Amino acid sequence: MPERYPPFIARVVVPFFEAIFAIWTRILTLRLSPLSCKGKALVPREGGLIILSNHLSDIDPVMLQWACPRPIHFMAKHELFDYKFIGSMLRLFQSFPVKRNTADRNAIKFAVGLAKMGEVVGMFPEGELSETGELLPLLPGAALIIRQAGVPAICCRLEGTNSIIRYGRTVPNFNPGAKLSARWSEPRDLTGLSNEEVLAWIQANIGPEA
């Protein structure tokens, strides 16, 4: 189960790195075209929340955090935690690893615990980047976490991020003409719905028809 930060970490260290992240993100977005964000006011300002988004690019977590008024704890592929610096930063913000293509019970338990503590959990339910930009089949783990956590869920559809870091690349392409957008759905309490119904709702809100 996740634990709350010690007082010094919560008061000093985390805000410091959040400020650095905000400055870095601001510089990045200034080098690119502005991010058009629709529906930001729909994001609940308190209480546990689960965010679902489509996944076009490795830069998606940065853009999603920029579009969100609250800190997000991301579920990230476990390979990233093998890199010392990246892994340390991910752990500092209580991002957590997930073993892809498996029923990772530890990741599910951690995500549910964070949400029940009133935190925001971010997930990309496709489980991997989309090479073509089309929405990939959604993995059932996202629905399971939502149903177990018992907190509202909200979707954010990202567009244009794959023009910044393209599929298979790691270096950003600073394209001032890129059109970046983030569009939020209405938050919803999905209590009582089946896995299939939850996944259908997610798909309707992060797919191309959203």
Foldseek 3Di string as FASTA:
>chain_A
DDDDDDPCLVPPVVVVVVVVLLVVLVVLCVLAAHAAEAPQVLDDPWAFEEEEAAAAAPCVVSVVCVNHPFDEQEEAAPVQLVDPVSVVVSVSSPRYHDHPPDPGVVSLVSLLVQRLVIHYYYYHQLRDHDQVPAGHQGDLSVLVSLQSNQDWYKYKAWPQPCQQPPPPGDHGDSYRPTHIYIYIDRIDGPHPDDSVVVSVVRCCRHGPVD
